[in-house]
Every structure is written in C-alpha cells, then in structure tokens.
Amino acid sequence: MREALIVVSPHPDDESIFGAATIHRLAADPARFVRAVYVSGGDKSSVPGDCNGIPEAEKTERIVELREGETRAAWKVMAPDRDVPIDFERGPDQGLVSATRLVDGVRDDTLSLAGEVAVAGAVAAATNLPAGVDRAWILTTSRYDGHPDHRTAYFAAREAAEVLRERGVDVRLWSWIVHDEFVLTFIPACCGGDFHWPAPGETDDYQALVDVPSRPRPPHWDLSQDASEPAGIRREALTQHVSQVVGNPALCMPVYIPGFYDRWMEKTEEPFYEERL
C-alpha cells in the first residue's frame, strides 16, 4: 500500500494554522508521499498603495516571494529531512470568488475567472501523485470557513479528492475552520471572525462559533488530532511566517489583529471535519 499526504492551503501560513502538528505526524513516515498546494499568494497582507518608494506592483511581487520563502521554512519544521514538492498557484488574495450567497446557512460561491484558473491548477497539482498511491489524506480549510479564499481551497481539495476516488484511491478529506463568520455591516464578511475565533485556551471551543438564523453554527467536527506532541511544533511552524506574526514595515505589512497568531500557537488540538471518499 502506498499512501500520500496532500495539503491544499488557501494562503501561505494557513497550513501551519490548521494542521502543523497533524502534518508533522503524517509526514514523519518517509514512505508516505507528501505534496503541498497553495491556491492564493496572500498578496493582500499589506497596506494598499505604494510603500516606502516601492510601486504597488513591485510590492505585491515582493510580498508573494517573501511569503513563499516563509512557507518553505515552515515546511522544514513540519517535515524535516523531506524535500516536499510545493506548488504555488498565486491566485489573487480575496479575488478568487466573484459572488457569494447563503443557501440554507452555507455559502454558495461563484468563482472569478482567476479563481477558476487557480482551482484548476491546484487540482492538477494535488492529483499529480506517484504511481501506486492507493490511499490519501487531503488536509485543507473548511467549506464552513468565513473567508472566501478558504472555501475556494476546500472546493479545490474536494474536486481533487473526487478525481482521486475515480482512480480508485481511498481518500480522507480533513478540513478545519480558520475564520468564523458573522454579520457586521462595517467589517468585510470574509475576515470578521478573526476577532473571536479561535476562542482562548489550549483547545478549540465549538460553542464559540457564531450561531445566527442566517448562518447557523456549523455541525460539530468529526475528529480531533492531538497537537500537544511534539511540544512546540505548531508554534515553531507558525513562527516561520514572520511577516504575518510580527509584520514587515519595509513592505508596509502590519499585524492587523494583535494576538491572533498567539492564540493559534497555544492550541493543543487540531479538529477536522472528516469526509471519506
């Protein structure tokens, strides 16, 4: 039996938020093939406009390159001594979805043209596995996530899972909510949840997720992976994403939500919604 671990992340840093310890555990088996795919480049993590004399286009390019370098460093933490293939699709940050609506409390997204291109590339990369793979884990963000790029990553991961299933691969799709969603007129729906998710503490509190008539609390996750061992793996992996944790003044990249990464670093569990295809 040949196994594979495929990580489909919306942006650089999300892989460490939703699965650093689980990735570390699954990647520890040298016989298991590991691949990582990033749907968006995360280029919106800066104050808009020219910065310190750097034109906007150049600034964006430098941010994408910086975040990709940080991602490679994080993978050296999560999968040491492994040469993990990493595919960066560089879809536009917060530009993958052109329209969205709530249908029975769940988001129904329409992809932009750029989103369709990024998803197609992500699916092609995620399904490019060595011959003989007959079991795969795909880790990604949840369809219940409040951020449209995160739901797009789920869409790509689900499509890849279905392609692999048609090839006869036993697929387990594990997804996790990073951003909750709640309705506020003065905060973009994609990221408002940063203010109260995750809840404080070592574990993730399901009751902290918003429950309103228009968007009921999602179903409870199916499984929870122990993230307490090896000690500090989540913190070390997340710390590699320096521009997100402490900012980067040279590229006008602030820390938008102080303490956001500190809360993720303290978690000792990684809860997933499990789908078996």
C-alpha atoms as a PDB file:
ATOM      1  CA  MET A   1       0.000   0.000   0.000  1.00  0.00           C
ATOM      2  CA  ARG A   2       1.325   3.440  -0.953  1.00  0.00           C
ATOM      3  CA  GLU A   3      -0.012   6.474   0.907  1.00  0.00           C
ATOM      4  CA  ALA A   4       0.062  10.210   0.243  1.00  0.00           C
ATOM      5  CA  LEU A   5      -0.490  13.383   2.234  1.00  0.00           C
ATOM      6  CA  ILE A   6      -1.745  16.340   0.205  1.00  0.00           C
ATOM      7  CA  VAL A   7      -2.106  19.758   1.819  1.00  0.00           C
ATOM      8  CA  VAL A   8      -4.280  22.265  -0.053  1.00  0.00           C
ATOM      9  CA  SER A   9      -3.833  25.620   1.679  1.00  0.00           C
ATOM     10  CA  PRO A  10      -5.578  28.860   0.730  1.00  0.00           C
ATOM     11  CA  HIS A  11      -2.625  31.117   1.654  1.00  0.00           C
ATOM     12  CA  PRO A  12       0.910  30.751   2.963  1.00  0.00           C
ATOM     13  CA  ASP A  13       0.576  30.289   6.774  1.00  0.00           C
ATOM     14  CA  ASP A  14      -2.819  28.546   6.789  1.00  0.00           C
ATOM     15  CA  GLU A  15      -1.153  25.131   6.589  1.00  0.00           C
ATOM     16  CA  SER A  16       0.518  25.795   9.949  1.00  0.00           C
ATOM     17  CA  ILE A  17      -2.690  27.176  11.481  1.00  0.00           C
ATOM     18  CA  PHE A  18      -4.936  24.286  10.552  1.00  0.00           C
ATOM     19  CA  GLY A  19      -2.562  21.368  10.668  1.00  0.00           C
ATOM     20  CA  ALA A  20       1.080  21.849  11.692  1.00  0.00           C
ATOM     21  CA  ALA A  21       1.109  19.002  14.202  1.00  0.00           C
ATOM     22  CA  THR A  22      -1.029  16.673  12.086  1.00  0.00           C
ATOM     23  CA  ILE A  23       1.132  17.357   9.040  1.00  0.00           C
ATOM     24  CA  HIS A  24       4.262  16.695  11.111  1.00  0.00           C
ATOM     25  CA  ARG A  25       2.864  13.355  12.279  1.00  0.00           C
ATOM     26  CA  LEU A  26       1.689  12.180   8.859  1.00  0.00           C
ATOM     27  CA  ALA A  27       4.837  13.382   7.085  1.00  0.00           C
ATOM     28  CA  ALA A  28       7.090  11.553   9.549  1.00  0.00           C
ATOM     29  CA  ASP A  29       6.669   8.308   7.615  1.00  0.00           C
ATOM     30  CA  PRO A  30       9.343   8.504   4.887  1.00  0.00           C
ATOM     31  CA  ALA A  31       7.369   6.067   2.748  1.00  0.00           C
ATOM     32  CA  ARG A  32       4.381   8.441   2.597  1.00  0.00           C
ATOM     33  CA  PHE A  33       4.466  10.854  -0.347  1.00  0.00           C
ATOM     34  CA  VAL A  34       3.837  14.492   0.651  1.00  0.00           C
ATOM     35  CA  ARG A  35       2.773  17.395  -1.566  1.00  0.00           C
ATOM     36  CA  ALA A  36       1.640  20.948  -0.739  1.00  0.00           C
ATOM     37  CA  VAL A  37      -0.507  23.237  -2.883  1.00  0.00           C
ATOM     38  CA  TYR A  38      -1.262  26.931  -2.255  1.00  0.00           C
ATOM     39  CA  VAL A  39      -4.239  28.467  -4.036  1.00  0.00           C
ATOM     40  CA  SER A  40      -3.567  32.172  -3.329  1.00  0.00           C
ATOM     41  CA  GLY A  41      -0.335  34.086  -2.900  1.00  0.00           C
ATOM     42  CA  GLY A  42      -1.600  36.093   0.080  1.00  0.00           C
ATOM     43  CA  ASP A  43      -0.678  39.362  -1.618  1.00  0.00           C
ATOM     44  CA  LYS A  44      -3.270  41.497   0.237  1.00  0.00           C
ATOM     45  CA  SER A  45      -1.407  41.354   3.546  1.00  0.00           C
ATOM     46  CA  SER A  46      -0.186  44.937   3.163  1.00  0.00           C
ATOM     47  CA  VAL A  47      -1.499  48.471   3.314  1.00  0.00           C
ATOM     48  CA  PRO A  48      -2.760  49.286  -0.221  1.00  0.00           C
ATOM     49  CA  GLY A  49      -0.697  51.602  -2.410  1.00  0.00           C
ATOM     50  CA  ASP A  50       2.957  52.333  -2.953  1.00  0.00           C
ATOM     51  CA  CYS A  51       5.165  51.632   0.053  1.00  0.00           C
ATOM     52  CA  ASN A  52       8.469  53.242   1.021  1.00  0.00           C
ATOM     53  CA  GLY A  53       9.014  54.219  -2.582  1.00  0.00           C
ATOM     54  CA  ILE A  54       8.132  50.712  -3.840  1.00  0.00           C
ATOM     55  CA  PRO A  55       5.453  50.744  -6.556  1.00  0.00           C
ATOM     56  CA  GLU A  56       2.346  48.700  -5.796  1.00  0.00           C
ATOM     57  CA  ALA A  57       3.052  46.043  -8.453  1.00  0.00           C
ATOM     58  CA  GLU A  58       6.613  45.518  -7.250  1.00  0.00           C
ATOM     59  CA  LYS A  59       5.478  45.486  -3.629  1.00  0.00           C
ATOM     60  CA  THR A  60       2.930  42.782  -4.411  1.00  0.00           C
ATOM     61  CA  GLU A  61       5.540  40.653  -6.168  1.00  0.00           C
ATOM     62  CA  ARG A  62       7.949  41.003  -3.261  1.00  0.00           C
ATOM     63  CA  ILE A  63       5.253  40.089  -0.730  1.00  0.00           C
ATOM     64  CA  VAL A  64       4.365  36.932  -2.633  1.00  0.00           C
ATOM     65  CA  GLU A  65       8.029  35.909  -2.859  1.00  0.00           C
ATOM     66  CA  LEU A  66       8.543  36.671   0.844  1.00  0.00           C
ATOM     67  CA  ARG A  67       5.541  34.616   1.921  1.00  0.00           C
ATOM     68  CA  GLU A  68       6.569  31.707  -0.270  1.00  0.00           C
ATOM     69  CA  GLY A  69      10.004  31.734   1.347  1.00  0.00           C
ATOM     70  CA  GLU A  70       8.406  31.730   4.798  1.00  0.00           C
ATOM     71  CA  THR A  71       6.249  28.798   3.729  1.00  0.00           C
ATOM     72  CA  ARG A  72       9.260  26.761   2.671  1.00  0.00           C
ATOM     73  CA  ALA A  73      10.803  27.453   6.073  1.00  0.00           C
ATOM     74  CA  ALA A  74       7.610  26.286   7.815  1.00  0.00           C
ATOM     75  CA  TRP A  75       7.693  23.043   5.842  1.00  0.00           C
ATOM     76  CA  LYS A  76      11.244  22.432   7.034  1.00  0.00           C
ATOM     77  CA  VAL A  77       9.765  22.473  10.533  1.00  0.00           C
ATOM     78  CA  MET A  78       6.725  20.329   9.761  1.00  0.00           C
ATOM     79  CA  ALA A  79       8.522  17.845   7.506  1.00  0.00           C
ATOM     80  CA  PRO A  80      12.228  17.940   8.390  1.00  0.00           C
ATOM     81  CA  ASP A  81      14.577  15.997   6.153  1.00  0.00           C
ATOM     82  CA  ARG A  82      11.871  15.842   3.484  1.00  0.00           C
ATOM     83  CA  ASP A  83      12.007  17.536   0.077  1.00  0.00           C
ATOM     84  CA  VAL A  84       8.305  18.341  -0.191  1.00  0.00           C
ATOM     85  CA  PRO A  85       7.057  19.470  -3.631  1.00  0.00           C
ATOM     86  CA  ILE A  86       5.283  22.807  -3.128  1.00  0.00           C
ATOM     87  CA  ASP A  87       3.053  24.299  -5.828  1.00  0.00           C
ATOM     88  CA  PHE A  88       2.128  27.982  -5.573  1.00  0.00           C
ATOM     89  CA  GLU A  89      -0.816  28.834  -7.852  1.00  0.00           C
ATOM     90  CA  ARG A  90      -0.613  32.534  -6.891  1.00  0.00           C
ATOM     91  CA  GLY A  91      -4.318  33.227  -7.253  1.00  0.00           C
ATOM     92  CA  PRO A  92      -5.327  36.760  -6.233  1.00  0.00           C
ATOM     93  CA  ASP A  93      -5.785  37.205  -2.495  1.00  0.00           C
ATOM     94  CA  GLN A  94      -9.521  37.822  -1.810  1.00  0.00           C
ATOM     95  CA  GLY A  95     -10.112  37.715  -5.566  1.00  0.00           C
ATOM     96  CA  LEU A  96     -10.926  34.037  -6.077  1.00  0.00           C
ATOM     97  CA  VAL A  97     -14.673  34.489  -5.546  1.00  0.00           C
ATOM     98  CA  SER A  98     -16.740  36.935  -7.611  1.00  0.00           C
ATOM     99  CA  ALA A  99     -20.082  36.451  -5.834  1.00  0.00           C
ATOM    100  CA  THR A 100     -21.496  34.552  -2.873  1.00  0.00           C
ATOM    101  CA  ARG A 101     -24.852  33.831  -1.272  1.00  0.00           C
ATOM    102  CA  LEU A 102     -26.088  31.930   1.748  1.00  0.00           C
ATOM    103  CA  VAL A 103     -28.126  28.844   0.879  1.00  0.00           C
ATOM    104  CA  ASP A 104     -29.568  27.030   3.896  1.00  0.00           C
ATOM    105  CA  GLY A 105     -26.901  28.617   6.061  1.00  0.00           C
ATOM    106  CA  VAL A 106     -23.967  27.553   3.878  1.00  0.00           C
ATOM    107  CA  ARG A 107     -22.052  29.730   1.424  1.00  0.00           C
ATOM    108  CA  ASP A 108     -22.589  29.106  -2.295  1.00  0.00           C
ATOM    109  CA  ASP A 109     -19.692  30.816  -4.075  1.00  0.00           C
ATOM    110  CA  THR A 110     -19.216  31.767  -7.712  1.00  0.00           C
ATOM    111  CA  LEU A 111     -15.564  31.697  -8.658  1.00  0.00           C
ATOM    112  CA  SER A 112     -13.946  34.540 -10.551  1.00  0.00           C
ATOM    113  CA  LEU A 113     -12.050  33.714 -13.732  1.00  0.00           C
ATOM    114  CA  ALA A 114      -8.833  33.960 -11.734  1.00  0.00           C
ATOM    115  CA  GLY A 115     -10.373  31.661  -9.140  1.00  0.00           C
ATOM    116  CA  GLU A 116     -11.222  29.084 -11.784  1.00  0.00           C
ATOM    117  CA  VAL A 117      -7.650  29.187 -13.088  1.00  0.00           C
ATOM    118  CA  ALA A 118      -6.204  28.822  -9.591  1.00  0.00           C
ATOM    119  CA  VAL A 119      -8.524  25.934  -8.722  1.00  0.00           C
ATOM    120  CA  ALA A 120      -7.721  24.114 -11.958  1.00  0.00           C
ATOM    121  CA  GLY A 121      -4.014  24.444 -11.246  1.00  0.00           C
ATOM    122  CA  ALA A 122      -4.460  23.321  -7.641  1.00  0.00           C
ATOM    123  CA  VAL A 123      -6.462  20.247  -8.649  1.00  0.00           C
ATOM    124  CA  ALA A 124      -3.878  19.287 -11.261  1.00  0.00           C
ATOM    125  CA  ALA A 125      -1.065  19.618  -8.716  1.00  0.00           C
ATOM    126  CA  ALA A 126      -2.934  17.833  -5.916  1.00  0.00           C
ATOM    127  CA  THR A 127      -3.701  14.843  -8.119  1.00  0.00           C
ATOM    128  CA  ASN A 128      -0.171  14.558  -9.532  1.00  0.00           C
ATOM    129  CA  LEU A 129       0.883  11.624  -7.383  1.00  0.00           C
ATOM    130  CA  PRO A 130       3.388   8.825  -7.850  1.00  0.00           C
ATOM    131  CA  ALA A 131       2.169   5.596  -9.396  1.00  0.00           C
ATOM    132  CA  GLY A 132       0.810   3.092  -6.920  1.00  0.00           C
ATOM    133  CA  VAL A 133      -0.744   5.520  -4.414  1.00  0.00           C
ATOM    134  CA  ASP A 134      -3.974   3.924  -3.218  1.00  0.00           C
ATOM    135  CA  ARG A 135      -4.681   5.909  -0.026  1.00  0.00           C
ATOM    136  CA  ALA A 136      -4.506   9.654   0.516  1.00  0.00           C
ATOM    137  CA  TRP A 137      -5.164  12.235   3.190  1.00  0.00           C
ATOM    138  CA  ILE A 138      -6.092  15.699   1.915  1.00  0.00           C
ATOM    139  CA  LEU A 139      -5.894  18.498   4.508  1.00  0.00           C
ATOM    140  CA  THR A 140      -7.493  21.861   3.787  1.00  0.00           C
ATOM    141  CA  THR A 141      -9.758  24.599   5.114  1.00  0.00           C
ATOM    142  CA  SER A 142     -13.473  24.094   5.624  1.00  0.00           C
ATOM    143  CA  ARG A 143     -16.482  24.804   3.435  1.00  0.00           C
ATOM    144  CA  TYR A 144     -17.891  26.498   6.577  1.00  0.00           C
ATOM    145  CA  ASP A 145     -14.983  28.968   6.756  1.00  0.00           C
ATOM    146  CA  GLY A 146     -15.850  32.653   6.707  1.00  0.00           C
ATOM    147  CA  HIS A 147     -13.075  33.571   4.258  1.00  0.00           C
ATOM    148  CA  PRO A 148     -13.878  33.090   0.544  1.00  0.00           C
ATOM    149  CA  ASP A 149     -10.307  32.056  -0.300  1.00  0.00           C
ATOM    150  CA  HIS A 150     -10.532  29.342   2.332  1.00  0.00           C
ATOM    151  CA  ARG A 151     -13.764  27.989   0.908  1.00  0.00           C
ATOM    152  CA  THR A 152     -12.127  28.028  -2.524  1.00  0.00           C
ATOM    153  CA  ALA A 153      -9.283  25.892  -1.190  1.00  0.00           C
ATOM    154  CA  TYR A 154     -11.887  23.439   0.094  1.00  0.00           C
ATOM    155  CA  PHE A 155     -13.567  23.418  -3.317  1.00  0.00           C
ATOM    156  CA  ALA A 156     -10.220  22.601  -4.972  1.00  0.00           C
ATOM    157  CA  ALA A 157      -9.449  19.905  -2.394  1.00  0.00           C
ATOM    158  CA  ARG A 158     -12.875  18.319  -2.789  1.00  0.00           C
ATOM    159  CA  GLU A 159     -12.545  18.273  -6.570  1.00  0.00           C
ATOM    160  CA  ALA A 160      -9.089  16.708  -6.262  1.00  0.00           C
ATOM    161  CA  ALA A 161     -10.496  14.102  -3.865  1.00  0.00           C
ATOM    162  CA  GLU A 162     -13.179  13.139  -6.364  1.00  0.00           C
ATOM    163  CA  VAL A 163     -10.609  12.821  -9.151  1.00  0.00           C
ATOM    164  CA  LEU A 164      -8.514  10.522  -6.980  1.00  0.00           C
ATOM    165  CA  ARG A 165     -11.547   8.488  -5.942  1.00  0.00           C
ATOM    166  CA  GLU A 166     -12.318   7.856  -9.602  1.00  0.00           C
ATOM    167  CA  ARG A 167      -8.792   6.452  -9.895  1.00  0.00           C
ATOM    168  CA  GLY A 168      -9.542   4.027  -7.104  1.00  0.00           C
ATOM    169  CA  VAL A 169      -7.728   5.913  -4.332  1.00  0.00           C
ATOM    170  CA  ASP A 170      -9.169   5.703  -0.808  1.00  0.00           C
ATOM    171  CA  VAL A 171      -9.364   9.400   0.168  1.00  0.00           C
ATOM    172  CA  ARG A 172      -9.860  11.027   3.552  1.00  0.00           C
ATOM    173  CA  LEU A 173     -10.583  14.754   3.290  1.00  0.00           C
ATOM    174  CA  TRP A 174      -9.926  16.616   6.550  1.00  0.00           C
ATOM    175  CA  SER A 175     -10.938  20.286   6.745  1.00  0.00           C
ATOM    176  CA  TRP A 176     -10.836  22.881   9.503  1.00  0.00           C
ATOM    177  CA  ILE A 177     -12.410  26.292  10.113  1.00  0.00           C
ATOM    178  CA  VAL A 178      -9.832  29.076  10.448  1.00  0.00           C
ATOM    179  CA  HIS A 179     -12.153  32.088  10.088  1.00  0.00           C
ATOM    180  CA  ASP A 180     -15.610  32.165  11.617  1.00  0.00           C
ATOM    181  CA  GLU A 181     -18.252  34.365  10.016  1.00  0.00           C
ATOM    182  CA  PHE A 182     -20.733  36.807  11.475  1.00  0.00           C
ATOM    183  CA  VAL A 183     -22.820  39.627  10.073  1.00  0.00           C
ATOM    184  CA  LEU A 184     -21.492  43.140  10.613  1.00  0.00           C
ATOM    185  CA  THR A 185     -22.063  45.913   8.119  1.00  0.00           C
ATOM    186  CA  PHE A 186     -18.740  47.650   8.782  1.00  0.00           C
ATOM    187  CA  ILE A 187     -16.431  44.616   8.548  1.00  0.00           C
ATOM    188  CA  PRO A 188     -15.941  42.511   5.412  1.00  0.00           C
ATOM    189  CA  ALA A 189     -17.702  39.176   5.883  1.00  0.00           C
ATOM    190  CA  CYS A 190     -14.570  37.307   4.871  1.00  0.00           C
ATOM    191  CA  CYS A 191     -12.492  38.201   7.880  1.00  0.00           C
ATOM    192  CA  GLY A 192     -14.731  39.476  10.642  1.00  0.00           C
ATOM    193  CA  GLY A 193     -14.351  36.218  12.543  1.00  0.00           C
ATOM    194  CA  ASP A 194     -10.695  36.956  13.281  1.00  0.00           C
ATOM    195  CA  PHE A 195     -11.892  38.911  16.296  1.00  0.00           C
ATOM    196  CA  HIS A 196     -13.258  35.935  18.216  1.00  0.00           C
ATOM    197  CA  TRP A 197     -12.046  32.706  16.644  1.00  0.00           C
ATOM    198  CA  PRO A 198     -10.283  30.778  17.891  1.00  0.00           C
ATOM    199  CA  ALA A 199     -11.555  31.076  21.427  1.00  0.00           C
ATOM    200  CA  PRO A 200      -8.901  31.493  24.147  1.00  0.00           C
ATOM    201  CA  GLY A 201      -7.421  28.369  25.664  1.00  0.00           C
ATOM    202  CA  GLU A 202      -5.489  25.274  24.697  1.00  0.00           C
ATOM    203  CA  THR A 203      -8.394  23.606  22.898  1.00  0.00           C
ATOM    204  CA  ASP A 204     -10.885  24.801  20.304  1.00  0.00           C
ATOM    205  CA  ASP A 205     -14.342  25.641  21.668  1.00  0.00           C
ATOM    206  CA  TYR A 206     -17.126  24.630  19.285  1.00  0.00           C
ATOM    207  CA  GLN A 207     -19.593  26.803  21.197  1.00  0.00           C
ATOM    208  CA  ALA A 208     -17.511  29.880  20.336  1.00  0.00           C
ATOM    209  CA  LEU A 209     -18.545  29.612  16.676  1.00  0.00           C
ATOM    210  CA  VAL A 210     -21.313  32.029  15.745  1.00  0.00           C
ATOM    211  CA  ASP A 211     -24.876  30.714  15.673  1.00  0.00           C
ATOM    212  CA  VAL A 212     -27.360  33.072  13.997  1.00  0.00           C
ATOM    213  CA  PRO A 213     -30.508  32.370  11.928  1.00  0.00           C
ATOM    214  CA  SER A 214     -28.925  33.480   8.647  1.00  0.00           C
ATOM    215  CA  ARG A 215     -25.795  31.391   9.229  1.00  0.00           C
ATOM    216  CA  PRO A 216     -26.318  28.702  11.882  1.00  0.00           C
ATOM    217  CA  ARG A 217     -23.376  27.256  13.742  1.00  0.00           C
ATOM    218  CA  PRO A 218     -21.819  24.598  11.506  1.00  0.00           C
ATOM    219  CA  PRO A 219     -22.020  20.940  12.543  1.00  0.00           C
ATOM    220  CA  HIS A 220     -19.508  19.755  15.109  1.00  0.00           C
ATOM    221  CA  TRP A 221     -16.224  18.468  13.720  1.00  0.00           C
ATOM    222  CA  ASP A 222     -15.812  14.711  13.459  1.00  0.00           C
ATOM    223  CA  LEU A 223     -12.355  14.172  14.879  1.00  0.00           C
ATOM    224  CA  SER A 224      -9.659  15.936  16.850  1.00  0.00           C
ATOM    225  CA  GLN A 225      -5.957  15.295  16.425  1.00  0.00           C
ATOM    226  CA  ASP A 226      -3.598  15.670  19.394  1.00  0.00           C
ATOM    227  CA  ALA A 227      -1.302  18.650  18.772  1.00  0.00           C
ATOM    228  CA  SER A 228       0.495  18.586  22.132  1.00  0.00           C
ATOM    229  CA  GLU A 229       3.351  16.386  20.904  1.00  0.00           C
ATOM    230  CA  PRO A 230       5.964  17.090  19.801  1.00  0.00           C
ATOM    231  CA  ALA A 231       5.836  20.108  22.074  1.00  0.00           C
ATOM    232  CA  GLY A 232       6.016  23.438  20.291  1.00  0.00           C
ATOM    233  CA  ILE A 233       5.671  22.180  16.721  1.00  0.00           C
ATOM    234  CA  ARG A 234       2.704  24.485  15.997  1.00  0.00           C
ATOM    235  CA  ARG A 235       4.472  27.495  17.475  1.00  0.00           C
ATOM    236  CA  GLU A 236       7.708  26.787  15.607  1.00  0.00           C
ATOM    237  CA  ALA A 237       5.941  26.307  12.283  1.00  0.00           C
ATOM    238  CA  LEU A 238       3.809  29.425  12.659  1.00  0.00           C
ATOM    239  CA  THR A 239       6.805  31.479  13.761  1.00  0.00           C
ATOM    240  CA  GLN A 240       8.399  30.912  10.352  1.00  0.00           C
ATOM    241  CA  HIS A 241       5.664  33.111   8.856  1.00  0.00           C
ATOM    242  CA  VAL A 242       7.429  36.163  10.227  1.00  0.00           C
ATOM    243  CA  SER A 243       5.649  38.761   8.098  1.00  0.00           C
ATOM    244  CA  GLN A 244       2.291  37.579   9.425  1.00  0.00           C
ATOM    245  CA  VAL A 245       3.232  37.111  13.074  1.00  0.00           C
ATOM    246  CA  VAL A 246       5.167  40.354  13.645  1.00  0.00           C
ATOM    247  CA  GLY A 247       4.648  42.255  10.373  1.00  0.00           C
ATOM    248  CA  ASN A 248       7.111  43.679   7.863  1.00  0.00           C
ATOM    249  CA  PRO A 249       7.416  47.510   7.921  1.00  0.00           C
ATOM    250  CA  ALA A 250       9.652  47.557   4.827  1.00  0.00           C
ATOM    251  CA  LEU A 251       6.732  46.217   2.772  1.00  0.00           C
ATOM    252  CA  CYS A 252       4.040  48.003   4.832  1.00  0.00           C
ATOM    253  CA  MET A 253       2.745  44.704   6.209  1.00  0.00           C
ATOM    254  CA  PRO A 254       1.118  45.372   9.609  1.00  0.00           C
ATOM    255  CA  VAL A 255      -0.191  42.981  12.221  1.00  0.00           C
ATOM    256  CA  TYR A 256      -3.899  43.549  11.666  1.00  0.00           C
ATOM    257  CA  ILE A 257      -5.146  41.504  14.627  1.00  0.00           C
ATOM    258  CA  PRO A 258      -2.696  41.598  17.571  1.00  0.00           C
ATOM    259  CA  GLY A 259      -2.528  38.282  19.358  1.00  0.00           C
ATOM    260  CA  PHE A 260      -4.179  36.335  16.526  1.00  0.00           C
ATOM    261  CA  TYR A 261      -1.226  34.005  15.985  1.00  0.00           C
ATOM    262  CA  ASP A 262      -0.544  33.750  19.712  1.00  0.00           C
ATOM    263  CA  ARG A 263      -3.969  32.155  20.096  1.00  0.00           C
ATOM    264  CA  TRP A 264      -3.295  29.648  17.341  1.00  0.00           C
ATOM    265  CA  MET A 265       0.124  28.808  18.771  1.00  0.00           C
ATOM    266  CA  GLU A 266      -1.307  27.766  22.138  1.00  0.00           C
ATOM    267  CA  LYS A 267      -3.668  25.141  20.693  1.00  0.00           C
ATOM    268  CA  THR A 268      -3.047  21.522  21.674  1.00  0.00           C
ATOM    269  CA  GLU A 269      -5.604  20.012  19.316  1.00  0.00           C
ATOM    270  CA  GLU A 270      -6.403  20.244  15.618  1.00  0.00           C
ATOM    271  CA  PRO A 271     -10.091  19.483  14.963  1.00  0.00           C
ATOM    272  CA  PHE A 272     -11.244  18.424  11.485  1.00  0.00           C
ATOM    273  CA  TYR A 273     -14.373  17.679   9.566  1.00  0.00           C
ATOM    274  CA  GLU A 274     -13.748  14.269   8.041  1.00  0.00           C
ATOM    275  CA  GLU A 275     -15.104  13.132   4.680  1.00  0.00           C
ATOM    276  CA  ARG A 276     -14.230   9.694   3.332  1.00  0.00           C
ATOM    277  CA  LEU A 277     -14.459   9.189  -0.398  1.00  0.00           C
END
